[in-house]
Amino acid sequence: MASTLDRAGRYSESVEHHPLAAQYEGAYFSVWAKECFVRALLECWRVEEARQWLDKWKNEGRVRALEMEYWESLVDKAAGVPPRPGYSGLGWER
């Protein structure tokens, strides 16, 4: 199913109907590819969609805790949320 843009220029489909969703469901989908996908969403200011994907992967147990912490820091940074206390700062410019 192809995505369509609404009048405000936003994609109308949810995460489950994303045109690339089938590729991101495979068991062989690499950590690098997931990171590229999350970064691409953030570059398009699609922070909430990136959060939905992270929640989906976390609930399915498809990623390690350290990877998830890093990706969550990227999403938080895009949303303007400061780093958590005690966090190593991955993904944040110094």
PDB file of N, CA and C in Angstrom:
ATOM      1  N   MET A   1       0.844  -1.168   0.000  1.00  0.00           N
ATOM      2  CA  MET A   1       0.000   0.000   0.000  1.00  0.00           C
ATOM      3  C   MET A   1       0.892   1.234   0.000  1.00  0.00           C
ATOM      4  N   ALA A   2       0.659   2.126  -0.889  1.00  0.00           N
ATOM      5  CA  ALA A   2       1.471   3.331  -0.974  1.00  0.00           C
ATOM      6  C   ALA A   2       0.980   4.371   0.017  1.00  0.00           C
ATOM      7  N   SER A   3       1.915   5.133   0.540  1.00  0.00           N
ATOM      8  CA  SER A   3       1.541   6.213   1.446  1.00  0.00           C
ATOM      9  C   SER A   3       0.983   7.363   0.635  1.00  0.00           C
ATOM     10  N   THR A   4       0.101   8.105   1.236  1.00  0.00           N
ATOM     11  CA  THR A   4      -0.426   9.300   0.597  1.00  0.00           C
ATOM     12  C   THR A   4      -0.190  10.476   1.522  1.00  0.00           C
ATOM     13  N   LEU A   5       0.024  11.628   0.945  1.00  0.00           N
ATOM     14  CA  LEU A   5       0.239  12.829   1.741  1.00  0.00           C
ATOM     15  C   LEU A   5      -1.083  13.544   1.945  1.00  0.00           C
ATOM     16  N   ASP A   6      -1.303  14.057   3.156  1.00  0.00           N
ATOM     17  CA  ASP A   6      -2.495  14.861   3.384  1.00  0.00           C
ATOM     18  C   ASP A   6      -2.179  16.305   3.009  1.00  0.00           C
ATOM     19  N   ARG A   7      -3.124  17.186   3.214  1.00  0.00           N
ATOM     20  CA  ARG A   7      -2.933  18.584   2.797  1.00  0.00           C
ATOM     21  C   ARG A   7      -1.796  19.278   3.532  1.00  0.00           C
ATOM     22  N   ALA A   8      -1.499  18.822   4.725  1.00  0.00           N
ATOM     23  CA  ALA A   8      -0.402  19.424   5.494  1.00  0.00           C
ATOM     24  C   ALA A   8       0.946  18.822   5.117  1.00  0.00           C
ATOM     25  N   GLY A   9       0.957  17.854   4.192  1.00  0.00           N
ATOM     26  CA  GLY A   9       2.203  17.237   3.764  1.00  0.00           C
ATOM     27  C   GLY A   9       2.655  16.105   4.641  1.00  0.00           C
ATOM     28  N   ARG A  10       1.743  15.552   5.467  1.00  0.00           N
ATOM     29  CA  ARG A  10       2.097  14.444   6.345  1.00  0.00           C
ATOM     30  C   ARG A  10       1.596  13.144   5.743  1.00  0.00           C
ATOM     31  N   TYR A  11       2.287  12.069   6.056  1.00  0.00           N
ATOM     32  CA  TYR A  11       1.835  10.763   5.610  1.00  0.00           C
ATOM     33  C   TYR A  11       0.623  10.350   6.418  1.00  0.00           C
ATOM     34  N   SER A  12      -0.347   9.745   5.749  1.00  0.00           N
ATOM     35  CA  SER A  12      -1.606   9.425   6.417  1.00  0.00           C
ATOM     36  C   SER A  12      -1.632   8.035   7.028  1.00  0.00           C
ATOM     37  N   GLU A  13      -0.771   7.143   6.597  1.00  0.00           N
ATOM     38  CA  GLU A  13      -0.817   5.783   7.128  1.00  0.00           C
ATOM     39  C   GLU A  13      -0.120   5.671   8.474  1.00  0.00           C
ATOM     40  N   SER A  14      -0.538   4.696   9.250  1.00  0.00           N
ATOM     41  CA  SER A  14       0.104   4.415  10.528  1.00  0.00           C
ATOM     42  C   SER A  14       1.346   3.567  10.276  1.00  0.00           C
ATOM     43  N   VAL A  15       2.070   3.277  11.330  1.00  0.00           N
ATOM     44  CA  VAL A  15       3.282   2.461  11.216  1.00  0.00           C
ATOM     45  C   VAL A  15       2.990   1.121  10.549  1.00  0.00           C
ATOM     46  N   GLU A  16       1.884   0.497  10.923  1.00  0.00           N
ATOM     47  CA  GLU A  16       1.572  -0.830  10.393  1.00  0.00           C
ATOM     48  C   GLU A  16       1.363  -0.821   8.882  1.00  0.00           C
ATOM     49  N   HIS A  17       0.971   0.321   8.318  1.00  0.00           N
ATOM     50  CA  HIS A  17       0.704   0.397   6.886  1.00  0.00           C
ATOM     51  C   HIS A  17       1.800   1.123   6.119  1.00  0.00           C
ATOM     52  N   HIS A  18       2.937   1.310   6.742  1.00  0.00           N
ATOM     53  CA  HIS A  18       4.051   1.985   6.081  1.00  0.00           C
ATOM     54  C   HIS A  18       4.473   1.162   4.866  1.00  0.00           C
ATOM     55  N   PRO A  19       4.758   1.806   3.724  1.00  0.00           N
ATOM     56  CA  PRO A  19       5.105   1.056   2.513  1.00  0.00           C
ATOM     57  C   PRO A  19       6.352   0.190   2.658  1.00  0.00           C
ATOM     58  N   LEU A  20       7.224   0.527   3.574  1.00  0.00           N
ATOM     59  CA  LEU A  20       8.434  -0.260   3.775  1.00  0.00           C
ATOM     60  C   LEU A  20       8.313  -1.237   4.936  1.00  0.00           C
ATOM     61  N   ALA A  21       7.135  -1.300   5.555  1.00  0.00           N
ATOM     62  CA  ALA A  21       6.967  -2.104   6.768  1.00  0.00           C
ATOM     63  C   ALA A  21       7.349  -3.565   6.565  1.00  0.00           C
ATOM     64  N   ALA A  22       7.030  -4.129   5.420  1.00  0.00           N
ATOM     65  CA  ALA A  22       7.337  -5.544   5.181  1.00  0.00           C
ATOM     66  C   ALA A  22       8.838  -5.794   5.281  1.00  0.00           C
ATOM     67  N   GLN A  23       9.644  -4.874   4.786  1.00  0.00           N
ATOM     68  CA  GLN A  23      11.094  -5.036   4.850  1.00  0.00           C
ATOM     69  C   GLN A  23      11.597  -4.977   6.289  1.00  0.00           C
ATOM     70  N   TYR A  24      10.928  -4.214   7.136  1.00  0.00           N
ATOM     71  CA  TYR A  24      11.384  -4.029   8.501  1.00  0.00           C
ATOM     72  C   TYR A  24      10.831  -5.083   9.442  1.00  0.00           C
ATOM     73  N   GLU A  25      10.083  -6.030   8.923  1.00  0.00           N
ATOM     74  CA  GLU A  25       9.526  -7.100   9.730  1.00  0.00           C
ATOM     75  C   GLU A  25      10.379  -8.362   9.665  1.00  0.00           C
ATOM     76  N   GLY A  26      11.260  -8.447   8.682  1.00  0.00           N
ATOM     77  CA  GLY A  26      12.029  -9.663   8.481  1.00  0.00           C
ATOM     78  C   GLY A  26      12.983  -9.981   9.618  1.00  0.00           C
ATOM     79  N   ALA A  27      13.199 -11.254   9.838  1.00  0.00           N
ATOM     80  CA  ALA A  27      14.093 -11.703  10.905  1.00  0.00           C
ATOM     81  C   ALA A  27      15.537 -11.296  10.625  1.00  0.00           C
ATOM     82  N   TYR A  28      15.870 -11.050   9.363  1.00  0.00           N
ATOM     83  CA  TYR A  28      17.246 -10.729   8.998  1.00  0.00           C
ATOM     84  C   TYR A  28      17.479  -9.229   8.862  1.00  0.00           C
ATOM     85  N   PHE A  29      16.525  -8.443   9.303  1.00  0.00           N
ATOM     86  CA  PHE A  29      16.670  -6.994   9.226  1.00  0.00           C
ATOM     87  C   PHE A  29      17.756  -6.568  10.198  1.00  0.00           C
ATOM     88  N   SER A  30      18.817  -5.987   9.701  1.00  0.00           N
ATOM     89  CA  SER A  30      20.000  -5.709  10.514  1.00  0.00           C
ATOM     90  C   SER A  30      19.824  -4.511  11.444  1.00  0.00           C
ATOM     91  N   VAL A  31      20.662  -4.481  12.457  1.00  0.00           N
ATOM     92  CA  VAL A  31      20.696  -3.359  13.391  1.00  0.00           C
ATOM     93  C   VAL A  31      21.021  -2.080  12.635  1.00  0.00           C
ATOM     94  N   TRP A  32      21.974  -2.152  11.716  1.00  0.00           N
ATOM     95  CA  TRP A  32      22.359  -0.980  10.928  1.00  0.00           C
ATOM     96  C   TRP A  32      21.173  -0.462  10.126  1.00  0.00           C
ATOM     97  N   ALA A  33      20.425  -1.344   9.494  1.00  0.00           N
ATOM     98  CA  ALA A  33      19.272  -0.926   8.696  1.00  0.00           C
ATOM     99  C   ALA A  33      18.195  -0.302   9.578  1.00  0.00           C
ATOM    100  N   LYS A  34      17.990  -0.847  10.780  1.00  0.00           N
ATOM    101  CA  LYS A  34      17.015  -0.253  11.694  1.00  0.00           C
ATOM    102  C   LYS A  34      17.444   1.161  12.077  1.00  0.00           C
ATOM    103  N   GLU A  35      18.740   1.331  12.354  1.00  0.00           N
ATOM    104  CA  GLU A  35      19.217   2.667  12.707  1.00  0.00           C
ATOM    105  C   GLU A  35      19.022   3.636  11.549  1.00  0.00           C
ATOM    106  N   CYS A  36      19.315   3.205  10.327  1.00  0.00           N
ATOM    107  CA  CYS A  36      19.117   4.061   9.157  1.00  0.00           C
ATOM    108  C   CYS A  36      17.652   4.464   9.023  1.00  0.00           C
ATOM    109  N   PHE A  37      16.750   3.508   9.268  1.00  0.00           N
ATOM    110  CA  PHE A  37      15.324   3.779   9.168  1.00  0.00           C
ATOM    111  C   PHE A  37      14.900   4.809  10.214  1.00  0.00           C
ATOM    112  N   VAL A  38      15.351   4.633  11.459  1.00  0.00           N
ATOM    113  CA  VAL A  38      15.007   5.577  12.526  1.00  0.00           C
ATOM    114  C   VAL A  38      15.554   6.960  12.190  1.00  0.00           C
ATOM    115  N   ARG A  39      16.800   7.028  11.739  1.00  0.00           N
ATOM    116  CA  ARG A  39      17.392   8.326  11.383  1.00  0.00           C
ATOM    117  C   ARG A  39      16.639   8.988  10.227  1.00  0.00           C
ATOM    118  N   ALA A  40      16.212   8.201   9.237  1.00  0.00           N
ATOM    119  CA  ALA A  40      15.454   8.756   8.110  1.00  0.00           C
ATOM    120  C   ALA A  40      14.132   9.348   8.589  1.00  0.00           C
ATOM    121  N   LEU A  41      13.454   8.662   9.495  1.00  0.00           N
ATOM    122  CA  LEU A  41      12.206   9.205  10.045  1.00  0.00           C
ATOM    123  C   LEU A  41      12.467  10.520  10.769  1.00  0.00           C
ATOM    124  N   LEU A  42      13.546  10.577  11.542  1.00  0.00           N
ATOM    125  CA  LEU A  42      13.853  11.786  12.298  1.00  0.00           C
ATOM    126  C   LEU A  42      14.222  12.939  11.379  1.00  0.00           C
ATOM    127  N   GLU A  43      14.908  12.649  10.275  1.00  0.00           N
ATOM    128  CA  GLU A  43      15.255  13.698   9.323  1.00  0.00           C
ATOM    129  C   GLU A  43      14.013  14.309   8.693  1.00  0.00           C
ATOM    130  N   CYS A  44      12.939  13.549   8.634  1.00  0.00           N
ATOM    131  CA  CYS A  44      11.667  14.037   8.093  1.00  0.00           C
ATOM    132  C   CYS A  44      10.764  14.580   9.197  1.00  0.00           C
ATOM    133  N   TRP A  45      11.292  14.735  10.399  1.00  0.00           N
ATOM    134  CA  TRP A  45      10.551  15.233  11.558  1.00  0.00           C
ATOM    135  C   TRP A  45       9.376  14.332  11.907  1.00  0.00           C
ATOM    136  N   ARG A  46       9.538  13.038  11.717  1.00  0.00           N
ATOM    137  CA  ARG A  46       8.490  12.070  12.035  1.00  0.00           C
ATOM    138  C   ARG A  46       8.847  11.377  13.352  1.00  0.00           C
ATOM    139  N   VAL A  47       8.961  12.191  14.407  1.00  0.00           N
ATOM    140  CA  VAL A  47       9.423  11.723  15.710  1.00  0.00           C
ATOM    141  C   VAL A  47       8.468  10.697  16.302  1.00  0.00           C
ATOM    142  N   GLU A  48       7.175  10.963  16.248  1.00  0.00           N
ATOM    143  CA  GLU A  48       6.210  10.032  16.845  1.00  0.00           C
ATOM    144  C   GLU A  48       6.217   8.685  16.131  1.00  0.00           C
ATOM    145  N   GLU A  49       6.377   8.700  14.816  1.00  0.00           N
ATOM    146  CA  GLU A  49       6.443   7.436  14.081  1.00  0.00           C
ATOM    147  C   GLU A  49       7.704   6.663  14.471  1.00  0.00           C
ATOM    148  N   ALA A  50       8.814   7.380  14.646  1.00  0.00           N
ATOM    149  CA  ALA A  50      10.047   6.721  15.087  1.00  0.00           C
ATOM    150  C   ALA A  50       9.846   6.093  16.466  1.00  0.00           C
ATOM    151  N   ARG A  51       9.165   6.806  17.364  1.00  0.00           N
ATOM    152  CA  ARG A  51       8.879   6.253  18.694  1.00  0.00           C
ATOM    153  C   ARG A  51       8.017   4.996  18.596  1.00  0.00           C
ATOM    154  N   GLN A  52       7.043   4.994  17.691  1.00  0.00           N
ATOM    155  CA  GLN A  52       6.177   3.823  17.519  1.00  0.00           C
ATOM    156  C   GLN A  52       6.984   2.611  17.077  1.00  0.00           C
ATOM    157  N   TRP A  53       7.918   2.819  16.145  1.00  0.00           N
ATOM    158  CA  TRP A  53       8.754   1.707  15.691  1.00  0.00           C
ATOM    159  C   TRP A  53       9.633   1.201  16.828  1.00  0.00           C
ATOM    160  N   LEU A  54      10.224   2.108  17.594  1.00  0.00           N
ATOM    161  CA  LEU A  54      11.065   1.682  18.717  1.00  0.00           C
ATOM    162  C   LEU A  54      10.255   0.885  19.732  1.00  0.00           C
ATOM    163  N   ASP A  55       9.058   1.363  20.034  1.00  0.00           N
ATOM    164  CA  ASP A  55       8.193   0.623  20.969  1.00  0.00           C
ATOM    165  C   ASP A  55       7.855  -0.755  20.430  1.00  0.00           C
ATOM    166  N   LYS A  56       7.575  -0.826  19.142  1.00  0.00           N
ATOM    167  CA  LYS A  56       7.238  -2.108  18.501  1.00  0.00           C
ATOM    168  C   LYS A  56       8.414  -3.078  18.612  1.00  0.00           C
ATOM    169  N   TRP A  57       9.625  -2.623  18.270  1.00  0.00           N
ATOM    170  CA  TRP A  57      10.802  -3.488  18.338  1.00  0.00           C
ATOM    171  C   TRP A  57      11.110  -3.884  19.780  1.00  0.00           C
ATOM    172  N   LYS A  58      10.943  -2.946  20.718  1.00  0.00           N
ATOM    173  CA  LYS A  58      11.204  -3.242  22.125  1.00  0.00           C
ATOM    174  C   LYS A  58      10.232  -4.314  22.630  1.00  0.00           C
ATOM    175  N   ASN A  59       8.957  -4.154  22.305  1.00  0.00           N
ATOM    176  CA  ASN A  59       7.944  -5.119  22.748  1.00  0.00           C
ATOM    177  C   ASN A  59       8.160  -6.506  22.148  1.00  0.00           C
ATOM    178  N   GLU A  60       8.708  -6.550  20.941  1.00  0.00           N
ATOM    179  CA  GLU A  60       8.967  -7.831  20.278  1.00  0.00           C
ATOM    180  C   GLU A  60      10.305  -8.426  20.695  1.00  0.00           C
ATOM    181  N   GLY A  61      11.116  -7.665  21.434  1.00  0.00           N
ATOM    182  CA  GLY A  61      12.420  -8.158  21.870  1.00  0.00           C
ATOM    183  C   GLY A  61      13.410  -8.325  20.735  1.00  0.00           C
ATOM    184  N   ARG A  62      13.302  -7.498  19.705  1.00  0.00           N
ATOM    185  CA  ARG A  62      14.158  -7.636  18.523  1.00  0.00           C
ATOM    186  C   ARG A  62      15.483  -6.896  18.612  1.00  0.00           C
ATOM    187  N   VAL A  63      15.670  -6.080  19.643  1.00  0.00           N
ATOM    188  CA  VAL A  63      16.913  -5.321  19.759  1.00  0.00           C
ATOM    189  C   VAL A  63      17.462  -5.423  21.175  1.00  0.00           C
ATOM    190  N   ARG A  64      18.764  -5.235  21.293  1.00  0.00           N
ATOM    191  CA  ARG A  64      19.412  -5.262  22.605  1.00  0.00           C
ATOM    192  C   ARG A  64      19.175  -3.939  23.328  1.00  0.00           C
ATOM    193  N   ALA A  65      19.295  -3.985  24.646  1.00  0.00           N
ATOM    194  CA  ALA A  65      19.019  -2.807  25.481  1.00  0.00           C
ATOM    195  C   ALA A  65      19.916  -1.626  25.123  1.00  0.00           C
ATOM    196  N   LEU A  66      21.202  -1.877  24.864  1.00  0.00           N
ATOM    197  CA  LEU A  66      22.119  -0.786  24.544  1.00  0.00           C
ATOM    198  C   LEU A  66      21.736  -0.113  23.229  1.00  0.00           C
ATOM    199  N   GLU A  67      21.369  -0.907  22.223  1.00  0.00           N
ATOM    200  CA  GLU A  67      20.929  -0.331  20.951  1.00  0.00           C
ATOM    201  C   GLU A  67      19.672   0.503  21.152  1.00  0.00           C
ATOM    202  N   MET A  68      18.731  -0.025  21.927  1.00  0.00           N
ATOM    203  CA  MET A  68      17.481   0.693  22.167  1.00  0.00           C
ATOM    204  C   MET A  68      17.743   2.002  22.897  1.00  0.00           C
ATOM    205  N   GLU A  69      18.648   1.973  23.871  1.00  0.00           N
ATOM    206  CA  GLU A  69      18.977   3.196  24.609  1.00  0.00           C
ATOM    207  C   GLU A  69      19.550   4.248  23.662  1.00  0.00           C
ATOM    208  N   TYR A  70      20.414   3.823  22.754  1.00  0.00           N
ATOM    209  CA  TYR A  70      21.003   4.751  21.786  1.00  0.00           C
ATOM    210  C   TYR A  70      19.929   5.342  20.878  1.00  0.00           C
ATOM    211  N   TRP A  71      19.072   4.484  20.323  1.00  0.00           N
ATOM    212  CA  TRP A  71      18.032   4.978  19.413  1.00  0.00           C
ATOM    213  C   TRP A  71      17.045   5.877  20.129  1.00  0.00           C
ATOM    214  N   GLU A  72      16.699   5.528  21.369  1.00  0.00           N
ATOM    215  CA  GLU A  72      15.797   6.385  22.140  1.00  0.00           C
ATOM    216  C   GLU A  72      16.436   7.749  22.375  1.00  0.00           C
ATOM    217  N   SER A  73      17.770   7.789  22.553  1.00  0.00           N
ATOM    218  CA  SER A  73      18.443   9.074  22.739  1.00  0.00           C
ATOM    219  C   SER A  73      18.362   9.910  21.464  1.00  0.00           C
ATOM    220  N   LEU A  74      18.437   9.272  20.294  1.00  0.00           N
ATOM    221  CA  LEU A  74      18.301  10.006  19.031  1.00  0.00           C
ATOM    222  C   LEU A  74      16.909  10.609  18.897  1.00  0.00           C
ATOM    223  N   VAL A  75      15.897   9.816  19.244  1.00  0.00           N
ATOM    224  CA  VAL A  75      14.514  10.289  19.156  1.00  0.00           C
ATOM    225  C   VAL A  75      14.280  11.409  20.172  1.00  0.00           C
ATOM    226  N   ASP A  76      14.781  11.221  21.393  1.00  0.00           N
ATOM    227  CA  ASP A  76      14.639  12.268  22.412  1.00  0.00           C
ATOM    228  C   ASP A  76      15.311  13.558  21.961  1.00  0.00           C
ATOM    229  N   LYS A  77      16.489  13.431  21.361  1.00  0.00           N
ATOM    230  CA  LYS A  77      17.207  14.611  20.883  1.00  0.00           C
ATOM    231  C   LYS A  77      16.386  15.332  19.823  1.00  0.00           C
ATOM    232  N   ALA A  78      15.807  14.581  18.889  1.00  0.00           N
ATOM    233  CA  ALA A  78      14.987  15.185  17.838  1.00  0.00           C
ATOM    234  C   ALA A  78      13.755  15.869  18.419  1.00  0.00           C
ATOM    235  N   ALA A  79      13.253  15.350  19.532  1.00  0.00           N
ATOM    236  CA  ALA A  79      12.071  15.926  20.178  1.00  0.00           C
ATOM    237  C   ALA A  79      12.434  17.067  21.125  1.00  0.00           C
ATOM    238  N   GLY A  80      13.738  17.334  21.306  1.00  0.00           N
ATOM    239  CA  GLY A  80      14.176  18.410  22.179  1.00  0.00           C
ATOM    240  C   GLY A  80      14.236  18.039  23.647  1.00  0.00           C
ATOM    241  N   VAL A  81      14.239  16.743  23.941  1.00  0.00           N
ATOM    242  CA  VAL A  81      14.306  16.269  25.326  1.00  0.00           C
ATOM    243  C   VAL A  81      15.779  16.162  25.727  1.00  0.00           C
ATOM    244  N   PRO A  82      16.175  16.744  26.874  1.00  0.00           N
ATOM    245  CA  PRO A  82      17.582  16.640  27.291  1.00  0.00           C
ATOM    246  C   PRO A  82      17.943  15.211  27.681  1.00  0.00           C
ATOM    247  N   PRO A  83      19.229  14.870  27.650  1.00  0.00           N
ATOM    248  CA  PRO A  83      19.646  13.511  28.012  1.00  0.00           C
ATOM    249  C   PRO A  83      19.262  13.172  29.453  1.00  0.00           C
ATOM    250  N   ARG A  84      19.000  11.899  29.671  1.00  0.00           N
ATOM    251  CA  ARG A  84      18.668  11.429  31.022  1.00  0.00           C
ATOM    252  C   ARG A  84      19.907  11.507  31.910  1.00  0.00           C
ATOM    253  N   PRO A  85      19.721  11.777  33.218  1.00  0.00           N
ATOM    254  CA  PRO A  85      20.871  11.797  34.135  1.00  0.00           C
ATOM    255  C   PRO A  85      21.578  10.439  34.138  1.00  0.00           C
ATOM    256  N   GLY A  86      22.881  10.475  34.073  1.00  0.00           N
ATOM    257  CA  GLY A  86      23.661   9.252  34.092  1.00  0.00           C
ATOM    258  C   GLY A  86      23.789   8.572  32.745  1.00  0.00           C
ATOM    259  N   TYR A  87      23.156   9.136  31.711  1.00  0.00           N
ATOM    260  CA  TYR A  87      23.253   8.534  30.388  1.00  0.00           C
ATOM    261  C   TYR A  87      24.576   8.928  29.760  1.00  0.00           C
ATOM    262  N   SER A  88      25.157   8.018  28.982  1.00  0.00           N
ATOM    263  CA  SER A  88      26.490   8.239  28.416  1.00  0.00           C
ATOM    264  C   SER A  88      26.529   9.355  27.387  1.00  0.00           C
ATOM    265  N   GLY A  89      25.385   9.733  26.834  1.00  0.00           N
ATOM    266  CA  GLY A  89      25.363  10.835  25.885  1.00  0.00           C
ATOM    267  C   GLY A  89      25.497  10.415  24.445  1.00  0.00           C
ATOM    268  N   LEU A  90      25.404   9.122  24.151  1.00  0.00           N
ATOM    269  CA  LEU A  90      25.481   8.691  22.759  1.00  0.00           C
ATOM    270  C   LEU A  90      24.384   9.373  21.958  1.00  0.00           C
ATOM    271  N   GLY A  91      24.752   9.885  20.798  1.00  0.00           N
ATOM    272  CA  GLY A  91      23.768  10.537  19.954  1.00  0.00           C
ATOM    273  C   GLY A  91      23.607  12.025  20.233  1.00  0.00           C
ATOM    274  N   TRP A  92      24.316  12.538  21.219  1.00  0.00           N
ATOM    275  CA  TRP A  92      24.226  13.961  21.542  1.00  0.00           C
ATOM    276  C   TRP A  92      25.570  14.612  21.259  1.00  0.00           C
ATOM    277  N   GLU A  93      25.528  15.745  20.569  1.00  0.00           N
ATOM    278  CA  GLU A  93      26.764  16.483  20.350  1.00  0.00           C
ATOM    279  C   GLU A  93      27.194  17.122  21.656  1.00  0.00           C
ATOM    280  N   ARG A  94      28.474  17.207  21.817  1.00  0.00           N
ATOM    281  CA  ARG A  94      28.995  17.826  23.050  1.00  0.00           C
ATOM    282  C   ARG A  94      29.301  19.276  22.792  1.00  0.00           C
TER     283      ARG A  94
END
